[in-house]
Amino acid sequence: MLQSNSEDNFESPIKDIKRHEDNLKFLKSQANHLDESILDLQVRLGKYHSKDAANENSDLHPEEESTQQILHQEQSAAGILCKVKSYHAIHASNLSLIKDVLGIVATLARVDNDALSRLLSEYLGLETMLGIVCKTFDGIKALEKYDGDGKIKDIAGLHGLGSSIGRKIDGRFTAFCLEDLRPFAGGFIANDPQKKLALLKPKLPDGKCPSGFLDFVVNMVNLDDRNLFCVTAGGHGLRETLFYNLFSYLQAYKTRADMLSALPCITHGAVSLDGGMITKNGLFLLGSR
């Protein structure tokens, strides 16, 4: 009897350890699945900005395809906003909190290369890709209301809008105020229909432009005509405000080897079409997705 109790006392901790190990494996599996889902959305959002992806499914405009992917993020602010605008358009048109919203970052631009599009989605990250872009600070204030104690009012703003369609915003969300973003101070490339910024090409110590340099990323995104001019009260468009603040002087190269050879003249990070990424000076992202 004494021996049996000793064996039971010995086996009990082992069973507990085994149970905890199984739970840990399950949680790791769930975390990996979530990471894969987030990455999948990032890749698809990026892919849908390219002309190649548009050709694969000609029934939908790239912006509409991006919107469909955002709608899968049911508990995100962007997902709620897109759902209301897509399925409750008449109701949405009368909402003051939506009138100042220009759109979601992921739907406001596109690039012509799938590889670059996926890289930029990864570079910005999901939170930024799902960021809500407002023209003015009044638009930012309309998205969220607070009580006297500074607590968020669940029945007002975007939170209240979500509740009205059975959705609740999970966690924080990013919102951009265009009028508060410092615009690019320089000029534009003459006669360029896309109003690309007049940026000086990088130069190596010998005065030559690095081999494989494609362009500054801010000039590689394509914008709809309506977003090129007078988006803000000051007459600025999205390139010199939102996308200049997101990408700054981020450079794009053909290959990782080209990018690494150009290190002496990379000041604000770089990406290469074969997957290389330097987010800022001294910070390299290695491995692959």
C-alpha atoms as a PDB file:
ATOM      1  CA  MET A   1       0.000   0.000   0.000  1.00  0.00           C
ATOM      2  CA  LEU A   2       2.835   2.349   0.898  1.00  0.00           C
ATOM      3  CA  GLN A   3       4.624   1.465  -2.347  1.00  0.00           C
ATOM      4  CA  SER A   4       1.476   2.183  -4.359  1.00  0.00           C
ATOM      5  CA  ASN A   5       1.141   5.652  -2.803  1.00  0.00           C
ATOM      6  CA  SER A   6       4.786   6.385  -3.571  1.00  0.00           C
ATOM      7  CA  GLU A   7       4.287   5.407  -7.188  1.00  0.00           C
ATOM      8  CA  ASP A   8       1.169   7.573  -7.409  1.00  0.00           C
ATOM      9  CA  ASN A   9       3.022  10.525  -5.888  1.00  0.00           C
ATOM     10  CA  PHE A  10       5.823  10.019  -8.391  1.00  0.00           C
ATOM     11  CA  GLU A  11       3.554   9.651 -11.424  1.00  0.00           C
ATOM     12  CA  SER A  12       1.375  12.664 -10.602  1.00  0.00           C
ATOM     13  CA  PRO A  13       4.065  15.329 -11.290  1.00  0.00           C
ATOM     14  CA  ILE A  14       5.029  13.480 -14.485  1.00  0.00           C
ATOM     15  CA  LYS A  15       1.436  13.616 -15.696  1.00  0.00           C
ATOM     16  CA  ASP A  16       1.279  17.327 -14.841  1.00  0.00           C
ATOM     17  CA  ILE A  17       4.480  17.991 -16.777  1.00  0.00           C
ATOM     18  CA  LYS A  18       3.167  15.996 -19.744  1.00  0.00           C
ATOM     19  CA  ARG A  19      -0.109  17.938 -19.663  1.00  0.00           C
ATOM     20  CA  HIS A  20       1.732  21.276 -19.551  1.00  0.00           C
ATOM     21  CA  GLU A  21       3.973  20.185 -22.429  1.00  0.00           C
ATOM     22  CA  ASP A  22       0.917  19.250 -24.494  1.00  0.00           C
ATOM     23  CA  ASN A  23      -0.700  22.600 -23.690  1.00  0.00           C
ATOM     24  CA  LEU A  24       2.487  24.420 -24.654  1.00  0.00           C
ATOM     25  CA  LYS A  25       2.661  22.557 -27.974  1.00  0.00           C
ATOM     26  CA  PHE A  26      -0.968  23.459 -28.662  1.00  0.00           C
ATOM     27  CA  LEU A  27      -0.397  27.140 -27.863  1.00  0.00           C
ATOM     28  CA  LYS A  28       2.712  27.230 -30.064  1.00  0.00           C
ATOM     29  CA  SER A  29       0.713  25.635 -32.862  1.00  0.00           C
ATOM     30  CA  GLN A  30      -2.019  28.253 -32.476  1.00  0.00           C
ATOM     31  CA  ALA A  31       0.557  31.075 -32.420  1.00  0.00           C
ATOM     32  CA  ASN A  32       2.216  29.736 -35.575  1.00  0.00           C
ATOM     33  CA  HIS A  33      -1.171  29.477 -37.262  1.00  0.00           C
ATOM     34  CA  LEU A  34      -1.940  33.090 -36.325  1.00  0.00           C
ATOM     35  CA  ASP A  35       1.452  34.257 -37.628  1.00  0.00           C
ATOM     36  CA  GLU A  36       0.818  32.431 -40.900  1.00  0.00           C
ATOM     37  CA  SER A  37      -2.630  34.030 -41.194  1.00  0.00           C
ATOM     38  CA  ILE A  38      -1.209  37.506 -40.635  1.00  0.00           C
ATOM     39  CA  LEU A  39       1.586  36.912 -43.142  1.00  0.00           C
ATOM     40  CA  ASP A  40      -0.911  35.505 -45.643  1.00  0.00           C
ATOM     41  CA  LEU A  41      -2.992  38.665 -45.375  1.00  0.00           C
ATOM     42  CA  GLN A  42       0.102  40.846 -45.755  1.00  0.00           C
ATOM     43  CA  VAL A  43       1.155  38.958 -48.866  1.00  0.00           C
ATOM     44  CA  ARG A  44      -2.327  39.012 -50.360  1.00  0.00           C
ATOM     45  CA  LEU A  45      -2.802  42.697 -49.632  1.00  0.00           C
ATOM     46  CA  GLY A  46       0.515  43.372 -51.310  1.00  0.00           C
ATOM     47  CA  LYS A  47      -0.239  41.089 -54.226  1.00  0.00           C
ATOM     48  CA  TYR A  48      -3.568  42.722 -54.916  1.00  0.00           C
ATOM     49  CA  HIS A  49      -1.879  46.066 -55.425  1.00  0.00           C
ATOM     50  CA  SER A  50      -0.007  44.855 -58.480  1.00  0.00           C
ATOM     51  CA  LYS A  51      -1.137  44.855 -62.076  1.00  0.00           C
ATOM     52  CA  ASP A  52      -0.154  41.198 -62.405  1.00  0.00           C
ATOM     53  CA  ALA A  53      -2.660  40.240 -59.734  1.00  0.00           C
ATOM     54  CA  ALA A  54      -5.299  42.381 -61.385  1.00  0.00           C
ATOM     55  CA  ASN A  55      -4.807  40.417 -64.599  1.00  0.00           C
ATOM     56  CA  GLU A  56      -5.317  37.143 -62.731  1.00  0.00           C
ATOM     57  CA  ASN A  57      -8.806  38.241 -61.733  1.00  0.00           C
ATOM     58  CA  SER A  58     -10.126  40.846 -64.111  1.00  0.00           C
ATOM     59  CA  ASP A  59     -13.586  40.833 -62.518  1.00  0.00           C
ATOM     60  CA  LEU A  60     -12.402  42.946 -59.594  1.00  0.00           C
ATOM     61  CA  HIS A  61     -10.470  46.197 -59.412  1.00  0.00           C
ATOM     62  CA  PRO A  62      -7.299  45.833 -57.274  1.00  0.00           C
ATOM     63  CA  GLU A  63      -8.785  48.171 -54.660  1.00  0.00           C
ATOM     64  CA  GLU A  64     -11.898  45.990 -54.454  1.00  0.00           C
ATOM     65  CA  GLU A  65      -9.766  42.863 -54.052  1.00  0.00           C
ATOM     66  CA  SER A  66      -7.839  44.490 -51.214  1.00  0.00           C
ATOM     67  CA  THR A  67     -11.128  45.462 -49.599  1.00  0.00           C
ATOM     68  CA  GLN A  68     -12.311  41.853 -49.754  1.00  0.00           C
ATOM     69  CA  GLN A  69      -9.194  40.759 -47.867  1.00  0.00           C
ATOM     70  CA  ILE A  70      -9.609  43.496 -45.261  1.00  0.00           C
ATOM     71  CA  LEU A  71     -13.188  42.342 -44.677  1.00  0.00           C
ATOM     72  CA  HIS A  72     -11.786  39.048 -43.370  1.00  0.00           C
ATOM     73  CA  GLN A  73     -10.270  41.012 -40.472  1.00  0.00           C
ATOM     74  CA  GLU A  74     -13.667  41.147 -38.797  1.00  0.00           C
ATOM     75  CA  GLN A  75     -12.543  42.614 -35.473  1.00  0.00           C
ATOM     76  CA  SER A  76     -10.256  45.262 -36.924  1.00  0.00           C
ATOM     77  CA  ALA A  77     -11.226  48.910 -37.285  1.00  0.00           C
ATOM     78  CA  ALA A  78     -10.397  48.720 -40.998  1.00  0.00           C
ATOM     79  CA  GLY A  79     -12.560  45.622 -41.421  1.00  0.00           C
ATOM     80  CA  ILE A  80     -15.533  47.284 -39.731  1.00  0.00           C
ATOM     81  CA  LEU A  81     -15.107  50.446 -41.792  1.00  0.00           C
ATOM     82  CA  CYS A  82     -14.907  48.502 -45.055  1.00  0.00           C
ATOM     83  CA  LYS A  83     -17.932  46.388 -44.152  1.00  0.00           C
ATOM     84  CA  VAL A  84     -20.068  49.440 -43.456  1.00  0.00           C
ATOM     85  CA  LYS A  85     -18.946  51.188 -46.647  1.00  0.00           C
ATOM     86  CA  SER A  86     -19.386  48.034 -48.753  1.00  0.00           C
ATOM     87  CA  TYR A  87     -22.681  46.684 -47.446  1.00  0.00           C
ATOM     88  CA  HIS A  88     -24.312  49.687 -45.812  1.00  0.00           C
ATOM     89  CA  ALA A  89     -23.339  52.368 -48.317  1.00  0.00           C
ATOM     90  CA  ILE A  90     -26.487  54.485 -47.932  1.00  0.00           C
ATOM     91  CA  HIS A  91     -26.155  54.505 -44.146  1.00  0.00           C
ATOM     92  CA  ALA A  92     -22.414  55.165 -44.370  1.00  0.00           C
ATOM     93  CA  SER A  93     -22.815  58.177 -46.660  1.00  0.00           C
ATOM     94  CA  ASN A  94     -24.680  59.976 -43.883  1.00  0.00           C
ATOM     95  CA  LEU A  95     -22.137  59.260 -41.151  1.00  0.00           C
ATOM     96  CA  SER A  96     -19.954  62.225 -40.234  1.00  0.00           C
ATOM     97  CA  LEU A  97     -17.179  59.957 -38.934  1.00  0.00           C
ATOM     98  CA  ILE A  98     -16.741  58.414 -42.397  1.00  0.00           C
ATOM     99  CA  LYS A  99     -16.928  61.577 -44.502  1.00  0.00           C
ATOM    100  CA  ASP A 100     -13.388  62.636 -43.566  1.00  0.00           C
ATOM    101  CA  VAL A 101     -11.896  59.165 -44.097  1.00  0.00           C
ATOM    102  CA  LEU A 102      -9.926  58.887 -47.328  1.00  0.00           C
ATOM    103  CA  GLY A 103      -9.453  55.131 -47.079  1.00  0.00           C
ATOM    104  CA  ILE A 104      -7.287  52.311 -45.741  1.00  0.00           C
ATOM    105  CA  VAL A 105      -3.542  52.409 -46.448  1.00  0.00           C
ATOM    106  CA  ALA A 106      -3.679  49.034 -48.231  1.00  0.00           C
ATOM    107  CA  THR A 107      -6.232  50.342 -50.741  1.00  0.00           C
ATOM    108  CA  LEU A 108      -4.682  53.716 -51.571  1.00  0.00           C
ATOM    109  CA  ALA A 109      -1.729  52.683 -53.743  1.00  0.00           C
ATOM    110  CA  ARG A 110      -0.366  49.849 -55.848  1.00  0.00           C
ATOM    111  CA  VAL A 111       2.946  48.833 -57.397  1.00  0.00           C
ATOM    112  CA  ASP A 112       3.694  47.073 -60.670  1.00  0.00           C
ATOM    113  CA  ASN A 113       5.808  44.237 -59.270  1.00  0.00           C
ATOM    114  CA  ASP A 114       4.510  41.359 -57.130  1.00  0.00           C
ATOM    115  CA  ALA A 115       7.818  40.782 -55.347  1.00  0.00           C
ATOM    116  CA  LEU A 116       8.138  44.445 -54.422  1.00  0.00           C
ATOM    117  CA  SER A 117       4.511  44.606 -53.356  1.00  0.00           C
ATOM    118  CA  ARG A 118       4.950  41.700 -50.934  1.00  0.00           C
ATOM    119  CA  LEU A 119       8.152  43.241 -49.582  1.00  0.00           C
ATOM    120  CA  LEU A 120       6.498  46.584 -48.929  1.00  0.00           C
ATOM    121  CA  SER A 121       3.582  44.887 -47.181  1.00  0.00           C
ATOM    122  CA  GLU A 122       6.082  43.168 -44.901  1.00  0.00           C
ATOM    123  CA  TYR A 123       8.092  46.367 -44.452  1.00  0.00           C
ATOM    124  CA  LEU A 124       5.049  48.362 -43.343  1.00  0.00           C
ATOM    125  CA  GLY A 125       3.490  45.573 -41.293  1.00  0.00           C
ATOM    126  CA  LEU A 126      -0.139  44.586 -40.921  1.00  0.00           C
ATOM    127  CA  GLU A 127      -1.038  47.339 -38.444  1.00  0.00           C
ATOM    128  CA  THR A 128       0.109  50.072 -40.824  1.00  0.00           C
ATOM    129  CA  MET A 129      -1.413  48.382 -43.874  1.00  0.00           C
ATOM    130  CA  LEU A 130      -4.763  48.428 -42.060  1.00  0.00           C
ATOM    131  CA  GLY A 131      -4.301  52.039 -40.948  1.00  0.00           C
ATOM    132  CA  ILE A 132      -7.230  54.423 -41.472  1.00  0.00           C
ATOM    133  CA  VAL A 133      -6.310  57.608 -43.334  1.00  0.00           C
ATOM    134  CA  CYS A 134      -8.185  60.790 -42.406  1.00  0.00           C
ATOM    135  CA  LYS A 135      -7.838  64.174 -44.070  1.00  0.00           C
ATOM    136  CA  THR A 136      -8.114  66.276 -40.907  1.00  0.00           C
ATOM    137  CA  PHE A 137      -7.807  65.998 -37.137  1.00  0.00           C
ATOM    138  CA  ASP A 138     -11.581  66.372 -36.912  1.00  0.00           C
ATOM    139  CA  GLY A 139     -11.757  63.044 -38.730  1.00  0.00           C
ATOM    140  CA  ILE A 140      -9.434  61.465 -36.166  1.00  0.00           C
ATOM    141  CA  LYS A 141     -11.567  62.792 -33.301  1.00  0.00           C
ATOM    142  CA  ALA A 142     -14.723  61.416 -34.905  1.00  0.00           C
ATOM    143  CA  LEU A 143     -13.310  57.878 -34.932  1.00  0.00           C
ATOM    144  CA  GLU A 144     -13.198  57.615 -31.151  1.00  0.00           C
ATOM    145  CA  LYS A 145     -15.048  59.354 -28.306  1.00  0.00           C
ATOM    146  CA  TYR A 146     -14.235  59.407 -24.584  1.00  0.00           C
ATOM    147  CA  ASP A 147     -16.160  59.958 -21.364  1.00  0.00           C
ATOM    148  CA  GLY A 148     -15.189  62.310 -18.545  1.00  0.00           C
ATOM    149  CA  ASP A 149     -12.722  59.762 -17.158  1.00  0.00           C
ATOM    150  CA  GLY A 150     -10.958  59.338 -20.490  1.00  0.00           C
ATOM    151  CA  LYS A 151     -12.462  55.913 -21.162  1.00  0.00           C
ATOM    152  CA  ILE A 152     -13.535  54.974 -24.673  1.00  0.00           C
ATOM    153  CA  LYS A 153     -17.265  55.212 -25.338  1.00  0.00           C
ATOM    154  CA  ASP A 154     -18.341  51.894 -26.825  1.00  0.00           C
ATOM    155  CA  ILE A 155     -21.509  53.435 -28.241  1.00  0.00           C
ATOM    156  CA  ALA A 156     -19.829  56.265 -30.151  1.00  0.00           C
ATOM    157  CA  GLY A 157     -17.436  56.686 -33.057  1.00  0.00           C
ATOM    158  CA  LEU A 158     -16.095  53.663 -34.882  1.00  0.00           C
ATOM    159  CA  HIS A 159     -16.617  51.500 -31.785  1.00  0.00           C
ATOM    160  CA  GLY A 160     -20.313  52.328 -31.810  1.00  0.00           C
ATOM    161  CA  LEU A 161     -20.467  51.709 -35.545  1.00  0.00           C
ATOM    162  CA  GLY A 162     -18.966  48.269 -35.002  1.00  0.00           C
ATOM    163  CA  SER A 163     -21.483  47.472 -32.278  1.00  0.00           C
ATOM    164  CA  SER A 164     -24.330  48.425 -34.615  1.00  0.00           C
ATOM    165  CA  ILE A 165     -23.322  45.625 -37.015  1.00  0.00           C
ATOM    166  CA  GLY A 166     -22.380  43.112 -34.328  1.00  0.00           C
ATOM    167  CA  ARG A 167     -18.620  43.704 -34.454  1.00  0.00           C
ATOM    168  CA  LYS A 168     -16.231  44.755 -31.695  1.00  0.00           C
ATOM    169  CA  ILE A 169     -12.821  46.295 -32.347  1.00  0.00           C
ATOM    170  CA  ASP A 170     -10.119  44.089 -30.865  1.00  0.00           C
ATOM    171  CA  GLY A 171      -7.153  46.084 -29.542  1.00  0.00           C
ATOM    172  CA  ARG A 172      -5.625  49.289 -30.847  1.00  0.00           C
ATOM    173  CA  PHE A 173      -5.702  50.534 -34.419  1.00  0.00           C
ATOM    174  CA  THR A 174      -3.665  53.051 -36.390  1.00  0.00           C
ATOM    175  CA  ALA A 175      -5.105  56.236 -37.868  1.00  0.00           C
ATOM    176  CA  PHE A 176      -3.242  58.822 -39.959  1.00  0.00           C
ATOM    177  CA  CYS A 177      -4.063  62.533 -40.036  1.00  0.00           C
ATOM    178  CA  LEU A 178      -2.875  63.922 -43.373  1.00  0.00           C
ATOM    179  CA  GLU A 179      -2.984  67.577 -42.353  1.00  0.00           C
ATOM    180  CA  ASP A 180      -0.601  66.831 -39.466  1.00  0.00           C
ATOM    181  CA  LEU A 181       1.944  64.906 -41.555  1.00  0.00           C
ATOM    182  CA  ARG A 182       4.906  67.037 -42.603  1.00  0.00           C
ATOM    183  CA  PRO A 183       4.947  66.945 -46.421  1.00  0.00           C
ATOM    184  CA  PHE A 184       8.016  66.535 -48.596  1.00  0.00           C
ATOM    185  CA  ALA A 185       9.657  69.956 -48.806  1.00  0.00           C
ATOM    186  CA  GLY A 186      11.155  69.568 -52.281  1.00  0.00           C
ATOM    187  CA  GLY A 187       9.624  69.708 -55.728  1.00  0.00           C
ATOM    188  CA  PHE A 188       8.305  67.209 -58.248  1.00  0.00           C
ATOM    189  CA  ILE A 189       9.753  65.659 -61.389  1.00  0.00           C
ATOM    190  CA  ALA A 190       8.778  67.956 -64.248  1.00  0.00           C
ATOM    191  CA  ASN A 191       5.824  66.828 -66.375  1.00  0.00           C
ATOM    192  CA  ASP A 192       5.474  63.547 -64.482  1.00  0.00           C
ATOM    193  CA  PRO A 193       1.793  62.475 -64.526  1.00  0.00           C
ATOM    194  CA  GLN A 194       2.209  60.693 -61.182  1.00  0.00           C
ATOM    195  CA  LYS A 195       3.781  63.735 -59.488  1.00  0.00           C
ATOM    196  CA  LYS A 196       6.863  61.792 -58.412  1.00  0.00           C
ATOM    197  CA  LEU A 197       9.147  63.505 -55.946  1.00  0.00           C
ATOM    198  CA  ALA A 198      12.324  65.129 -57.250  1.00  0.00           C
ATOM    199  CA  LEU A 199      14.798  63.084 -55.218  1.00  0.00           C
ATOM    200  CA  LEU A 200      18.508  62.996 -55.990  1.00  0.00           C
ATOM    201  CA  LYS A 201      19.716  59.524 -56.910  1.00  0.00           C
ATOM    202  CA  PRO A 202      22.107  57.961 -54.386  1.00  0.00           C
ATOM    203  CA  LYS A 203      25.798  58.149 -55.219  1.00  0.00           C
ATOM    204  CA  LEU A 204      28.711  56.023 -54.120  1.00  0.00           C
ATOM    205  CA  PRO A 205      31.955  57.667 -52.932  1.00  0.00           C
ATOM    206  CA  ASP A 206      33.201  57.552 -56.542  1.00  0.00           C
ATOM    207  CA  GLY A 207      30.208  59.657 -57.624  1.00  0.00           C
ATOM    208  CA  LYS A 208      28.437  56.868 -59.521  1.00  0.00           C
ATOM    209  CA  CYS A 209      24.875  55.675 -58.952  1.00  0.00           C
ATOM    210  CA  PRO A 210      24.894  52.170 -57.392  1.00  0.00           C
ATOM    211  CA  SER A 211      24.446  49.257 -59.765  1.00  0.00           C
ATOM    212  CA  GLY A 212      20.963  47.760 -59.590  1.00  0.00           C
ATOM    213  CA  PHE A 213      19.336  50.849 -58.070  1.00  0.00           C
ATOM    214  CA  LEU A 214      15.716  50.992 -59.248  1.00  0.00           C
ATOM    215  CA  ASP A 215      14.232  54.041 -57.550  1.00  0.00           C
ATOM    216  CA  PHE A 216      13.100  55.396 -54.227  1.00  0.00           C
ATOM    217  CA  VAL A 217      10.096  53.363 -53.093  1.00  0.00           C
ATOM    218  CA  VAL A 218       7.978  56.476 -52.525  1.00  0.00           C
ATOM    219  CA  ASN A 219       8.157  57.060 -56.294  1.00  0.00           C
ATOM    220  CA  MET A 220       7.358  53.446 -57.181  1.00  0.00           C
ATOM    221  CA  VAL A 221       3.819  53.435 -55.805  1.00  0.00           C
ATOM    222  CA  ASN A 222       1.071  54.309 -58.280  1.00  0.00           C
ATOM    223  CA  LEU A 223      -1.770  56.541 -57.151  1.00  0.00           C
ATOM    224  CA  ASP A 224      -5.200  57.207 -58.590  1.00  0.00           C
ATOM    225  CA  ASP A 225      -5.592  60.686 -60.060  1.00  0.00           C
ATOM    226  CA  ARG A 226      -7.957  61.729 -57.274  1.00  0.00           C
ATOM    227  CA  ASN A 227      -5.180  61.206 -54.721  1.00  0.00           C
ATOM    228  CA  LEU A 228      -2.454  63.094 -56.579  1.00  0.00           C
ATOM    229  CA  PHE A 229      -3.739  66.622 -56.049  1.00  0.00           C
ATOM    230  CA  CYS A 230      -5.280  68.685 -53.278  1.00  0.00           C
ATOM    231  CA  VAL A 231      -6.081  65.871 -50.868  1.00  0.00           C
ATOM    232  CA  THR A 232      -5.294  68.246 -47.995  1.00  0.00           C
ATOM    233  CA  ALA A 233      -6.376  71.847 -47.447  1.00  0.00           C
ATOM    234  CA  GLY A 234      -2.795  72.866 -48.213  1.00  0.00           C
ATOM    235  CA  GLY A 235      -3.053  71.358 -51.694  1.00  0.00           C
ATOM    236  CA  HIS A 236      -0.852  68.324 -51.051  1.00  0.00           C
ATOM    237  CA  GLY A 237      -1.377  64.848 -52.490  1.00  0.00           C
ATOM    238  CA  LEU A 238      -0.852  61.427 -50.932  1.00  0.00           C
ATOM    239  CA  ARG A 239       2.651  60.875 -52.308  1.00  0.00           C
ATOM    240  CA  GLU A 240       4.269  63.853 -50.602  1.00  0.00           C
ATOM    241  CA  THR A 241       2.305  63.345 -47.363  1.00  0.00           C
ATOM    242  CA  LEU A 242       1.285  59.808 -46.410  1.00  0.00           C
ATOM    243  CA  PHE A 243       3.689  57.774 -48.526  1.00  0.00           C
ATOM    244  CA  TYR A 244       6.643  60.085 -47.996  1.00  0.00           C
ATOM    245  CA  ASN A 245       6.130  59.679 -44.244  1.00  0.00           C
ATOM    246  CA  LEU A 246       5.778  55.900 -44.567  1.00  0.00           C
ATOM    247  CA  PHE A 247       8.755  55.281 -46.855  1.00  0.00           C
ATOM    248  CA  SER A 248      10.908  58.414 -46.631  1.00  0.00           C
ATOM    249  CA  TYR A 249      14.106  57.716 -48.646  1.00  0.00           C
ATOM    250  CA  LEU A 250      13.721  53.924 -48.710  1.00  0.00           C
ATOM    251  CA  GLN A 251      15.599  52.619 -51.765  1.00  0.00           C
ATOM    252  CA  ALA A 252      14.807  49.649 -54.022  1.00  0.00           C
ATOM    253  CA  TYR A 253      17.404  47.438 -55.732  1.00  0.00           C
ATOM    254  CA  LYS A 254      17.284  44.532 -58.167  1.00  0.00           C
ATOM    255  CA  THR A 255      19.230  42.093 -55.988  1.00  0.00           C
ATOM    256  CA  ARG A 256      20.448  41.695 -52.435  1.00  0.00           C
ATOM    257  CA  ALA A 257      24.031  41.838 -53.733  1.00  0.00           C
ATOM    258  CA  ASP A 258      23.304  45.213 -55.374  1.00  0.00           C
ATOM    259  CA  MET A 259      21.774  46.477 -52.136  1.00  0.00           C
ATOM    260  CA  LEU A 260      24.721  45.403 -49.996  1.00  0.00           C
ATOM    261  CA  SER A 261      27.190  46.948 -52.442  1.00  0.00           C
ATOM    262  CA  ALA A 262      25.303  50.231 -52.084  1.00  0.00           C
ATOM    263  CA  LEU A 263      25.506  50.364 -48.273  1.00  0.00           C
ATOM    264  CA  PRO A 264      27.690  53.519 -48.247  1.00  0.00           C
ATOM    265  CA  CYS A 265      24.844  55.541 -49.786  1.00  0.00           C
ATOM    266  CA  ILE A 266      21.838  53.948 -48.078  1.00  0.00           C
ATOM    267  CA  THR A 267      20.585  56.388 -45.456  1.00  0.00           C
ATOM    268  CA  HIS A 268      16.991  55.331 -44.737  1.00  0.00           C
ATOM    269  CA  GLY A 269      16.870  51.615 -45.473  1.00  0.00           C
ATOM    270  CA  ALA A 270      16.463  49.583 -48.646  1.00  0.00           C
ATOM    271  CA  VAL A 271      14.772  46.531 -50.150  1.00  0.00           C
ATOM    272  CA  SER A 272      15.710  44.246 -53.028  1.00  0.00           C
ATOM    273  CA  LEU A 273      13.411  42.306 -55.343  1.00  0.00           C
ATOM    274  CA  ASP A 274      14.947  38.995 -54.242  1.00  0.00           C
ATOM    275  CA  GLY A 275      13.896  39.560 -50.629  1.00  0.00           C
ATOM    276  CA  GLY A 276      16.629  41.670 -49.057  1.00  0.00           C
ATOM    277  CA  MET A 277      15.571  44.252 -46.497  1.00  0.00           C
ATOM    278  CA  ILE A 278      17.317  46.911 -44.432  1.00  0.00           C
ATOM    279  CA  THR A 279      14.713  48.711 -42.349  1.00  0.00           C
ATOM    280  CA  LYS A 280      17.116  51.389 -41.156  1.00  0.00           C
ATOM    281  CA  ASN A 281      20.852  51.893 -40.902  1.00  0.00           C
ATOM    282  CA  GLY A 282      22.420  48.942 -39.136  1.00  0.00           C
ATOM    283  CA  LEU A 283      19.214  46.881 -38.935  1.00  0.00           C
ATOM    284  CA  PHE A 284      19.097  43.980 -41.414  1.00  0.00           C
ATOM    285  CA  LEU A 285      16.191  41.540 -41.752  1.00  0.00           C
ATOM    286  CA  LEU A 286      17.629  38.127 -42.602  1.00  0.00           C
ATOM    287  CA  GLY A 287      16.047  34.813 -43.523  1.00  0.00           C
ATOM    288  CA  SER A 288      12.947  34.460 -45.684  1.00  0.00           C
ATOM    289  CA  ARG A 289       9.185  34.484 -45.385  1.00  0.00           C
END
